[in-house]
Amino acid sequence: MTLTMSMHIIFPAIRGRQELHLYRGSEVTIERSWKEFTGRAEIVLPRRVKVFGEMSYSDIFRAGDPVEIRLGYGTEEPVTEFVGYIADISEGVPVQLRCEDEMYNLRRGSVSVVSSSITLRKLLEKAAAGYEIECPDVQLGAVRFAGVAPIHILDTIKKQTGLYSYFDGKKLLCGIVYGDQSGVPVVDINVEKNAVSENLNRKNSTEEVEIRAISILKNGRKIEVVVGQKGGTSVQRTYVGISVKAELESRAKTDLQKYKTQGFDGSVTLFGIPRVEHGMKVRVVSEFYKNMEGTFYVEKTVKKFNSGGYRQDITLGDKAN
């Protein structure tokens, strides 16, 4: 059975311009990962679009305009895959609209925060005022930021603590690697049936790896241990609330073995269904390659929708329990 692809791009009313709906476009690409601050999308438009009438693209679109992208199959309403803002407009041929999620707003403006002692939550509330925050309960100690873009604060947090920040809708998550997926079903992927292609290589158990493990305590103090082969591939792991050095070392050694013997490097390309998002768990099964099987977190997704079809490139992360 062949399913008809469906696309619905919404440009909400703004600056006196009415809301616009686009059901056809040359190409859409959406990229999201917890390892990157910003979720991005690119919309490639044909030179002329009937619904836009005689208006030029420069009259219709400006940086900062909101946009929503929905993709799917069949007659059902497409699923919202991206909500954000136009960040840049390339008016060549074809026209390209480069978009960013809520992080677009944190790249602009400035904020000042000076404190002799502040929690991670309080700092994020000042950097991302008005957004819902989800993060560990830890003390950061003294901070001093004078007139910086909010994203500069997030970058400093990442460099100093190893805690990554990204948006899930209107919620800013920091230090929540895969988010709360407890209520989300595991997605089954049969390599032979669901995958268009795969480029997976099981991680080499003999690879020399060095893990730098940092635990951030509630009082702002940090403890650190290094395990593995000195000079090997360097991997940093950040934990919260492990106050005993021996316990941190044990946890790091466990993660060292997981890193070396579990998981894959590479990606799997799927059709548009089953739908996958970064942070979800996927159960990989194969009729011919049993060494591929296991349940893994999704680290990154790149979704492409064009005349060639609807595809999802997913990068697998850590093995899930």
Protein backbone atom coordinates (compact mmCIF):
# COMPACT_ATOMS: atom_id res chain seq x y z
CA MET A 1 0.00 0.00 0.00
CA THR A 2 1.35 3.40 -1.00
CA LEU A 3 0.69 6.28 1.38
CA THR A 4 0.37 9.83 0.11
CA MET A 5 2.74 12.27 1.82
CA SER A 6 1.20 15.35 3.41
CA MET A 7 2.73 18.66 4.45
CA HIS A 8 1.21 21.71 6.11
CA ILE A 9 3.34 24.79 6.82
CA ILE A 10 1.69 27.59 8.77
CA PHE A 11 2.93 31.17 8.79
CA PRO A 12 0.83 32.88 11.53
CA ALA A 13 -0.53 36.38 10.96
CA ILE A 14 1.98 39.11 11.80
CA ARG A 15 2.65 42.79 10.94
CA GLY A 16 -0.80 43.13 9.37
CA ARG A 17 -0.19 40.17 7.07
CA GLN A 18 -2.83 37.44 7.23
CA GLU A 19 -2.08 33.86 8.25
CA LEU A 20 -0.73 31.83 5.36
CA HIS A 21 -0.98 28.08 4.77
CA LEU A 22 1.32 26.19 2.46
CA TYR A 23 0.65 22.60 1.45
CA ARG A 24 3.42 22.23 -1.09
CA GLY A 25 7.09 23.07 -0.98
CA SER A 26 10.19 21.91 -2.72
CA GLU A 27 11.84 20.53 0.41
CA VAL A 28 11.78 20.61 4.22
CA THR A 29 14.63 19.54 6.51
CA ILE A 30 14.35 19.46 10.33
CA GLU A 31 17.29 18.72 12.62
CA ARG A 32 17.12 18.24 16.40
CA SER A 33 19.47 16.85 19.07
CA TRP A 34 19.96 17.27 22.82
CA LYS A 35 23.66 17.83 22.08
CA GLU A 36 22.93 21.04 20.17
CA PHE A 37 21.44 24.18 21.66
CA THR A 38 19.19 24.88 18.71
CA GLY A 39 16.64 22.85 16.78
CA ARG A 40 16.72 23.93 13.14
CA ALA A 41 14.56 23.68 10.05
CA GLU A 42 15.02 24.71 6.45
CA ILE A 43 12.15 25.29 4.04
CA VAL A 44 12.95 25.42 0.34
CA LEU A 45 10.26 27.19 -1.67
CA PRO A 46 9.62 27.27 -5.42
CA ARG A 47 10.08 30.58 -7.21
CA ARG A 48 6.35 31.23 -7.35
CA VAL A 49 3.67 30.08 -4.92
CA LYS A 50 0.05 30.62 -5.96
CA VAL A 51 -1.23 31.24 -2.42
CA PHE A 52 1.19 34.17 -2.04
CA GLY A 53 -0.33 35.96 -5.01
CA GLU A 54 1.73 38.86 -6.33
CA MET A 55 3.52 39.50 -3.04
CA SER A 56 7.30 39.12 -3.08
CA TYR A 57 9.01 36.91 -0.52
CA SER A 58 10.61 39.98 1.04
CA ASP A 59 7.11 41.39 1.64
CA ILE A 60 5.85 38.14 3.15
CA PHE A 61 8.72 36.99 5.36
CA ARG A 62 11.06 38.66 7.80
CA ALA A 63 13.51 37.34 10.35
CA GLY A 64 11.68 36.63 13.59
CA ASP A 65 8.38 35.65 11.96
CA PRO A 66 6.84 32.53 13.56
CA VAL A 67 6.45 29.30 11.62
CA GLU A 68 5.02 25.83 12.22
CA ILE A 69 5.79 22.73 10.15
CA ARG A 70 3.54 19.65 10.09
CA LEU A 71 4.42 16.47 8.21
CA GLY A 72 2.74 13.12 7.74
CA TYR A 73 1.09 10.56 5.50
CA GLY A 74 -2.39 9.85 4.24
CA THR A 75 -5.58 11.71 5.04
CA GLU A 76 -4.89 12.17 8.77
CA GLU A 77 -3.79 15.59 10.02
CA PRO A 78 0.02 15.85 9.75
CA VAL A 79 1.99 15.86 13.03
CA THR A 80 3.65 19.07 14.22
CA GLU A 81 7.39 18.50 13.78
CA PHE A 82 8.73 22.01 14.26
CA VAL A 83 7.62 25.28 15.84
CA GLY A 84 9.94 28.26 15.75
CA TYR A 85 10.98 31.39 13.93
CA ILE A 86 12.47 32.38 10.60
CA ALA A 87 16.12 33.20 11.31
CA ASP A 88 17.36 33.94 7.81
CA ILE A 89 15.96 34.29 4.29
CA SER A 90 17.94 33.45 1.18
CA GLU A 91 16.20 34.97 -1.81
CA GLY A 92 18.13 33.14 -4.48
CA VAL A 93 16.53 30.48 -6.63
CA PRO A 94 15.09 28.52 -4.95
CA VAL A 95 14.19 30.58 -1.88
CA GLN A 96 15.39 29.13 1.43
CA LEU A 97 13.89 29.93 4.82
CA ARG A 98 16.27 28.92 7.63
CA CYS A 99 14.44 28.59 10.92
CA GLU A 100 15.32 28.07 14.60
CA ASP A 101 13.28 26.91 17.59
CA GLU A 102 12.82 28.95 20.80
CA MET A 103 16.61 29.28 21.12
CA TYR A 104 16.23 31.97 18.44
CA ASN A 105 15.01 34.32 21.17
CA LEU A 106 17.88 33.48 23.53
CA ARG A 107 20.43 34.49 20.90
CA ARG A 108 19.08 38.03 21.00
CA GLY A 109 18.93 40.74 23.60
CA SER A 110 21.12 40.84 26.69
CA VAL A 111 20.92 39.94 30.33
CA SER A 112 23.07 40.69 33.37
CA VAL A 113 23.36 38.34 36.33
CA VAL A 114 25.71 38.94 39.25
CA SER A 115 25.50 36.76 42.33
CA SER A 116 27.85 35.40 44.99
CA SER A 117 25.79 32.19 45.06
CA ILE A 118 23.02 31.04 42.73
CA THR A 119 21.25 27.81 41.85
CA LEU A 120 21.11 26.46 38.32
CA ARG A 121 17.34 27.01 38.23
CA LYS A 122 17.59 30.66 39.33
CA LEU A 123 20.26 31.35 36.75
CA LEU A 124 18.21 29.75 33.97
CA GLU A 125 15.10 31.67 35.06
CA LYS A 126 17.04 34.90 34.56
CA ALA A 127 18.59 33.82 31.27
CA ALA A 128 15.33 32.44 29.83
CA ALA A 129 12.72 34.60 31.52
CA GLY A 130 9.16 33.49 30.83
CA TYR A 131 10.02 29.92 29.84
CA GLU A 132 9.29 26.78 31.82
CA ILE A 133 12.53 25.32 33.20
CA GLU A 134 13.47 21.71 33.91
CA CYS A 135 16.90 21.08 35.47
CA PRO A 136 18.69 19.40 38.40
CA ASP A 137 18.62 21.06 41.83
CA VAL A 138 22.25 22.17 42.13
CA GLN A 139 24.16 25.19 43.40
CA LEU A 140 26.54 26.87 40.97
CA GLY A 141 28.31 29.29 43.30
CA ALA A 142 29.35 32.78 42.17
CA VAL A 143 28.47 34.04 38.69
CA ARG A 144 29.04 37.30 36.87
CA PHE A 145 27.47 38.03 33.50
CA ALA A 146 27.26 41.62 32.28
CA GLY A 147 25.13 42.41 29.24
CA VAL A 148 25.51 39.07 27.46
CA ALA A 149 23.12 37.20 25.16
CA PRO A 150 21.19 34.59 27.16
CA ILE A 151 22.66 31.76 25.08
CA HIS A 152 26.13 32.82 26.28
CA ILE A 153 25.05 31.84 29.80
CA LEU A 154 23.88 28.43 28.56
CA ASP A 155 27.19 27.93 26.77
CA THR A 156 29.11 28.83 29.94
CA ILE A 157 27.05 26.34 31.94
CA LYS A 158 27.85 23.62 29.38
CA LYS A 159 31.59 24.37 29.39
CA GLN A 160 31.87 24.54 33.18
CA THR A 161 29.55 21.72 34.20
CA GLY A 162 28.96 19.57 31.10
CA LEU A 163 25.19 20.16 31.38
CA TYR A 164 23.56 20.60 27.95
CA SER A 165 20.58 22.88 27.30
CA TYR A 166 17.90 22.55 24.64
CA PHE A 167 14.22 23.30 24.09
CA ASP A 168 11.34 20.87 24.04
CA GLY A 169 8.56 23.09 22.75
CA LYS A 170 8.43 26.05 25.14
CA LYS A 171 10.27 24.20 27.91
CA LEU A 172 14.00 24.73 28.42
CA LEU A 173 15.78 21.61 29.64
CA CYS A 174 19.27 21.68 31.10
CA GLY A 175 21.13 18.60 32.28
CA ILE A 176 18.21 16.38 31.22
CA VAL A 177 19.90 14.33 28.53
CA TYR A 178 16.93 12.43 27.15
CA GLY A 179 14.06 14.20 28.88
CA ASP A 180 11.09 12.42 30.45
CA GLN A 181 10.11 9.65 28.06
CA SER A 182 8.52 7.43 30.73
CA GLY A 183 5.10 7.68 29.12
CA VAL A 184 6.32 7.38 25.53
CA PRO A 185 6.16 3.89 23.98
CA VAL A 186 9.35 2.31 22.70
CA VAL A 187 9.47 2.47 18.88
CA ASP A 188 10.18 -0.88 17.20
CA ILE A 189 12.49 -0.76 14.21
CA ASN A 190 12.93 -3.82 12.05
CA VAL A 191 16.05 -3.11 10.00
CA GLU A 192 14.86 -5.11 7.00
CA LYS A 193 11.28 -3.79 7.03
CA ASN A 194 11.45 -0.21 8.33
CA ALA A 195 14.90 1.00 7.32
CA VAL A 196 15.64 2.54 3.94
CA SER A 197 19.33 2.10 4.73
CA GLU A 198 21.64 1.74 7.72
CA ASN A 199 25.20 2.71 8.44
CA LEU A 200 25.74 1.19 11.87
CA ASN A 201 28.97 -0.06 13.32
CA ARG A 202 29.09 -1.60 16.77
CA LYS A 203 31.55 0.24 18.99
CA ASN A 204 34.88 -1.55 19.28
CA SER A 205 35.30 -3.13 22.73
CA THR A 206 39.10 -2.82 22.37
CA GLU A 207 38.99 0.93 21.73
CA GLU A 208 41.03 2.92 24.25
CA VAL A 209 38.68 5.28 26.07
CA GLU A 210 39.20 7.72 28.94
CA ILE A 211 36.14 8.96 30.83
CA ARG A 212 36.28 12.17 32.84
CA ALA A 213 33.42 11.95 35.31
CA ILE A 214 32.20 15.07 37.13
CA SER A 215 29.58 15.10 39.87
CA ILE A 216 27.90 18.39 40.73
CA LEU A 217 26.67 18.58 44.32
CA LYS A 218 23.76 20.66 45.60
CA ASN A 219 26.12 23.03 47.43
CA GLY A 220 27.92 23.86 44.17
CA ARG A 221 30.99 21.77 44.92
CA LYS A 222 32.24 19.40 42.24
CA ILE A 223 34.14 16.15 42.51
CA GLU A 224 35.94 14.53 39.60
CA VAL A 225 37.51 11.21 38.69
CA VAL A 226 39.17 9.91 35.53
CA VAL A 227 38.95 6.25 34.55
CA GLY A 228 40.05 4.27 31.51
CA GLN A 229 43.07 4.48 29.26
CA LYS A 230 45.04 7.71 29.52
CA GLY A 231 45.42 9.25 26.09
CA GLY A 232 42.45 7.32 24.68
CA THR A 233 39.28 8.77 23.20
CA SER A 234 38.18 11.40 25.74
CA VAL A 235 34.57 11.26 26.93
CA GLN A 236 33.04 13.51 29.60
CA ARG A 237 30.14 12.38 31.77
CA THR A 238 28.33 14.73 34.16
CA TYR A 239 26.35 13.43 37.12
CA VAL A 240 24.37 15.21 39.82
CA GLY A 241 24.40 14.49 43.54
CA ILE A 242 27.02 11.70 43.76
CA SER A 243 28.97 12.88 46.81
CA VAL A 244 31.26 9.90 47.44
CA LYS A 245 34.30 9.70 45.17
CA ALA A 246 34.36 5.88 45.23
CA GLU A 247 30.73 5.78 44.09
CA LEU A 248 31.48 8.23 41.28
CA GLU A 249 34.43 6.09 40.19
CA SER A 250 32.28 2.96 40.21
CA ARG A 251 29.59 4.71 38.12
CA ALA A 252 32.23 5.96 35.68
CA LYS A 253 33.71 2.47 35.26
CA THR A 254 30.25 1.07 34.54
CA ASP A 255 29.68 3.75 31.91
CA LEU A 256 33.13 3.06 30.48
CA GLN A 257 32.16 -0.55 29.81
CA LYS A 258 28.81 0.51 28.37
CA TYR A 259 30.52 2.97 26.06
CA LYS A 260 32.98 0.37 24.80
CA THR A 261 30.70 -2.63 24.44
CA GLN A 262 27.19 -1.29 23.87
CA GLY A 263 25.74 0.95 21.22
CA PHE A 264 26.63 1.93 17.70
CA ASP A 265 28.32 4.62 15.72
CA GLY A 266 26.36 5.73 12.68
CA SER A 267 22.73 6.14 11.76
CA VAL A 268 19.62 4.46 10.40
CA THR A 269 17.46 6.00 7.69
CA LEU A 270 13.75 5.29 8.12
CA PHE A 271 10.62 6.18 6.20
CA GLY A 272 8.39 8.82 7.79
CA ILE A 273 6.74 6.12 9.90
CA PRO A 274 7.19 4.96 12.58
CA ARG A 275 7.71 8.54 13.79
CA VAL A 276 10.82 9.08 15.94
CA GLU A 277 12.08 12.04 17.99
CA HIS A 278 15.41 12.56 19.72
CA GLY A 279 15.21 11.33 23.31
CA MET A 280 12.86 8.46 22.42
CA LYS A 281 13.81 4.82 22.87
CA VAL A 282 13.97 2.55 19.84
CA ARG A 283 14.11 -1.24 19.87
CA VAL A 284 16.24 -2.41 16.94
CA VAL A 285 15.66 -5.91 15.62
CA SER A 286 17.07 -7.63 12.56
CA GLU A 287 16.20 -10.89 10.88
CA PHE A 288 19.75 -11.38 9.61
CA TYR A 289 22.08 -9.31 11.83
CA LYS A 290 21.45 -10.27 15.45
CA ASN A 291 24.46 -8.25 16.66
CA MET A 292 22.51 -5.08 15.81
CA GLU A 293 19.67 -5.82 18.21
CA GLY A 294 19.00 -3.86 21.37
CA THR A 295 17.09 -0.89 22.80
CA PHE A 296 18.74 2.50 22.45
CA TYR A 297 18.05 6.17 23.03
CA VAL A 298 17.83 8.40 19.97
CA GLU A 299 20.52 11.06 20.12
CA LYS A 300 19.65 13.01 16.99
CA THR A 301 17.04 13.14 14.23
CA VAL A 302 17.23 14.69 10.78
CA LYS A 303 13.90 14.65 8.93
CA LYS A 304 13.76 15.29 5.19
CA PHE A 305 10.58 15.78 3.19
CA ASN A 306 10.91 16.28 -0.56
CA SER A 307 9.95 14.87 -3.96
CA GLY A 308 12.01 11.78 -3.18
CA GLY A 309 9.92 10.91 -0.13
CA TYR A 310 9.74 11.39 3.62
CA ARG A 311 12.84 10.15 5.46
CA GLN A 312 14.15 10.19 9.03
CA ASP A 313 17.87 9.84 9.71
CA ILE A 314 18.27 8.80 13.35
CA THR A 315 21.53 8.63 15.29
CA LEU A 316 21.53 6.12 18.11
CA GLY A 317 22.88 7.09 21.52
CA ASP A 318 23.33 5.17 24.77
CA LYS A 319 21.83 1.75 25.26
CA ALA A 320 18.63 1.94 27.31
CA ASN A 321 17.89 -0.35 30.24
